[in-house]
Protein backbone atom coordinates (compact mmCIF):
# COMPACT_ATOMS: atom_id res chain seq x y z
CA MET A 1 64.45 -13.47 -97.36
CA ALA A 2 61.41 -15.35 -96.07
CA TYR A 3 58.33 -16.49 -97.96
CA LEU A 4 54.96 -17.21 -96.39
CA ILE A 5 53.04 -19.12 -99.04
CA ASP A 6 49.31 -19.70 -99.30
CA GLY A 7 49.73 -23.29 -100.52
CA ASN A 8 46.27 -24.04 -101.87
CA ASN A 9 46.17 -20.70 -103.64
CA PHE A 10 49.59 -21.31 -105.20
CA ILE A 11 48.70 -24.86 -106.30
CA GLY A 12 46.10 -23.42 -108.64
CA HIS A 13 48.87 -21.57 -110.48
CA THR A 14 51.55 -24.27 -110.65
CA SER A 15 50.38 -27.85 -110.25
CA ARG A 16 49.81 -30.29 -113.03
CA PHE A 17 47.50 -32.24 -110.72
CA ALA A 18 43.92 -31.39 -109.77
CA HIS A 19 43.54 -28.95 -106.90
CA ARG A 20 42.23 -31.57 -104.47
CA ASP A 21 44.63 -34.30 -105.55
CA PRO A 22 47.07 -34.97 -102.65
CA ARG A 23 49.90 -35.17 -105.15
CA SER A 24 49.52 -31.44 -105.84
CA LYS A 25 50.52 -30.60 -102.25
CA ARG A 26 53.43 -33.03 -102.37
CA GLU A 27 54.62 -31.69 -105.70
CA LEU A 28 54.51 -28.10 -104.44
CA THR A 29 56.32 -29.05 -101.23
CA ALA A 30 59.06 -30.75 -103.26
CA LYS A 31 59.48 -27.73 -105.56
CA LEU A 32 59.68 -25.37 -102.60
CA TRP A 33 62.19 -27.67 -100.87
CA ILE A 34 64.44 -27.32 -103.93
CA PHE A 35 63.89 -23.55 -103.86
CA TYR A 36 64.87 -23.51 -100.18
CA LYS A 37 68.01 -25.59 -100.80
CA MET A 38 69.09 -23.43 -103.73
CA THR A 39 68.35 -20.00 -102.19
CA ARG A 40 68.43 -20.65 -98.42
CA SER A 41 65.31 -18.51 -98.15
CA ARG A 42 63.05 -19.36 -95.24
CA ILE A 43 59.80 -21.01 -96.34
CA PHE A 44 56.50 -21.14 -94.48
CA LEU A 45 54.04 -23.15 -96.56
CA VAL A 46 50.44 -23.19 -95.30
CA PHE A 47 47.83 -25.57 -96.69
CA ASP A 48 44.10 -25.80 -96.02
CA GLY A 49 42.66 -29.13 -94.98
CA PRO A 50 43.85 -32.08 -92.95
CA PRO A 51 47.57 -32.89 -92.77
CA ASP A 52 49.00 -35.11 -95.47
CA PRO A 53 50.90 -37.91 -93.70
CA LYS A 54 53.47 -38.15 -96.51
CA ILE A 55 54.35 -34.48 -95.99
CA SER A 56 54.00 -34.44 -92.20
CA GLU A 57 56.42 -37.38 -91.84
CA GLN A 58 59.19 -35.41 -93.55
CA LYS A 59 61.88 -33.88 -91.34
CA PHE A 60 62.52 -30.32 -92.41
CA PRO A 61 64.95 -27.88 -90.75
CA GLU A 62 62.94 -26.25 -87.99
CA GLY A 63 62.42 -22.54 -88.49
CA SER A 64 63.84 -22.65 -92.01
CA PHE A 65 61.30 -24.76 -93.87
CA SER A 66 57.85 -25.30 -92.39
CA VAL A 67 54.78 -26.99 -93.82
CA ILE A 68 51.76 -26.01 -91.77
CA PHE A 69 48.27 -27.50 -91.74
CA PRO A 70 45.69 -25.56 -89.69
CA ASP A 71 43.71 -27.07 -86.84
CA ARG A 72 40.20 -28.26 -87.68
CA ASP A 73 38.54 -25.00 -86.61
CA GLU A 74 40.98 -22.81 -88.57
CA ASN A 75 41.80 -22.16 -92.18
CA ALA A 76 45.04 -21.28 -93.95
CA ASP A 77 44.19 -17.57 -94.15
CA SER A 78 43.86 -17.23 -90.37
CA VAL A 79 47.10 -19.15 -89.82
CA ILE A 80 48.89 -16.92 -92.32
CA LYS A 81 47.60 -13.81 -90.55
CA ASP A 82 48.77 -15.22 -87.20
CA ILE A 83 52.24 -15.89 -88.59
CA ILE A 84 52.44 -12.37 -90.01
CA SER A 85 51.38 -10.82 -86.70
CA GLN A 86 54.05 -12.81 -84.81
CA GLN A 87 56.95 -11.59 -86.95
CA GLU A 88 59.12 -8.84 -85.52
CA VAL A 89 60.82 -7.75 -88.75
CA LEU A 90 58.59 -7.80 -91.81
CA LYS A 91 60.76 -5.88 -94.29
CA LYS A 92 62.20 -9.06 -95.79
CA PHE A 93 59.04 -11.12 -95.38
CA ASN A 94 57.08 -11.93 -98.55
CA VAL A 95 53.51 -13.19 -98.41
CA VAL A 96 52.70 -15.19 -101.55
CA SER A 97 49.01 -15.31 -102.39
CA SER A 98 46.65 -14.04 -105.01
CA ASP A 99 44.01 -13.53 -102.30
CA ARG A 100 43.43 -9.78 -102.17
CA GLU A 101 42.45 -9.78 -98.49
CA LEU A 102 45.66 -11.57 -97.46
CA LYS A 103 47.84 -9.33 -99.62
CA ASP A 104 46.22 -6.20 -98.15
CA TYR A 105 46.63 -7.51 -94.60
CA ALA A 106 50.32 -8.31 -95.23
CA ARG A 107 51.00 -4.82 -96.59
CA GLN A 108 49.17 -3.17 -93.69
CA GLN A 109 51.40 -5.09 -91.27
CA GLY A 110 54.57 -4.06 -93.13
CA ALA A 111 55.26 -7.25 -95.08
CA LYS A 112 55.74 -7.42 -98.81
CA SER A 113 53.19 -9.31 -100.85
CA MET A 114 53.56 -11.14 -104.11
CA THR A 115 50.97 -12.71 -106.34
CA CYS A 116 51.33 -16.38 -107.13
CA GLU A 117 52.31 -15.46 -110.70
CA GLU A 118 55.11 -13.17 -109.45
CA PHE A 119 56.53 -15.83 -107.15
CA ASN A 120 56.24 -18.47 -109.84
CA LYS A 121 58.47 -16.26 -112.02
CA GLU A 122 61.08 -16.42 -109.22
CA LEU A 123 60.61 -20.13 -108.66
CA LYS A 124 60.91 -21.37 -112.27
CA PRO A 125 64.50 -20.22 -112.94
CA VAL A 126 65.66 -21.66 -109.62
CA LEU A 127 64.11 -25.05 -110.47
CA LYS A 128 65.65 -24.89 -113.94
CA ARG A 129 69.08 -24.06 -112.47
CA HIS A 130 68.70 -26.98 -110.06
CA LYS A 131 67.87 -29.35 -112.91
CA LYS A 132 70.93 -28.23 -114.90
CA GLN A 133 73.11 -28.58 -111.81
CA ARG A 134 71.82 -32.13 -111.23
CA GLU A 135 72.58 -33.03 -114.84
CA LEU A 136 76.14 -31.78 -114.47
CA GLU A 137 76.56 -33.80 -111.30
CA LYS A 138 75.65 -37.07 -112.97
CA HIS A 139 78.57 -39.41 -112.67
CA VAL A 140 79.76 -41.24 -115.70
CA ARG A 141 81.16 -44.58 -114.69
CA ILE A 142 84.00 -45.83 -116.81
CA PRO A 143 83.78 -49.55 -117.43
CA THR A 144 86.49 -51.76 -116.02
CA PRO A 145 88.84 -53.61 -118.40
CA LEU A 146 86.98 -56.86 -117.62
CA GLU A 147 83.64 -55.26 -118.58
CA VAL A 148 85.15 -53.93 -121.82
CA GLU A 149 86.45 -57.39 -122.64
CA GLN A 150 83.06 -58.96 -121.96
CA TRP A 151 81.27 -56.43 -124.20
CA ILE A 152 83.80 -57.04 -126.97
CA ASP A 153 83.18 -60.76 -126.66
CA ILE A 154 79.41 -60.25 -126.85
CA PHE A 155 79.53 -58.07 -129.95
CA THR A 156 82.16 -60.03 -131.81
CA MET A 157 80.72 -63.49 -131.31
CA LYS A 158 81.49 -65.74 -134.20
CA LYS A 159 78.85 -67.93 -135.72
């Protein structure tokens, strides 16, 4: 399964930061990276505006996870349409946006479309599962006998 996500549109439905706050793009990228790692679904994330250096510096697996910033004379919608038109098989290609024009274009080309709310319903349980998995993976370090002895000494100090 592949997801082509209208990043700025999706931020409005998921971020705790203001729409123009650079942290909102970083937060969304991080969430989608977890989604990618947990599901192995291809992700194409397209943002409007200039590239964010903190995102652009990241090394993502080419062709599997892409964060795209349009050129100055383009916007995210035109980039998304270009990506859709370049795909050979669109049956398993989901376009995530609440922009009616983009959703209609995706369907006309043979891709599936999802609203941001629909995709968010898919994303949340994956993030929750990841969090539970991380909690289970926490390593409990057993103290050494020397450490135990030192703690006993500290708590049983005589006055």
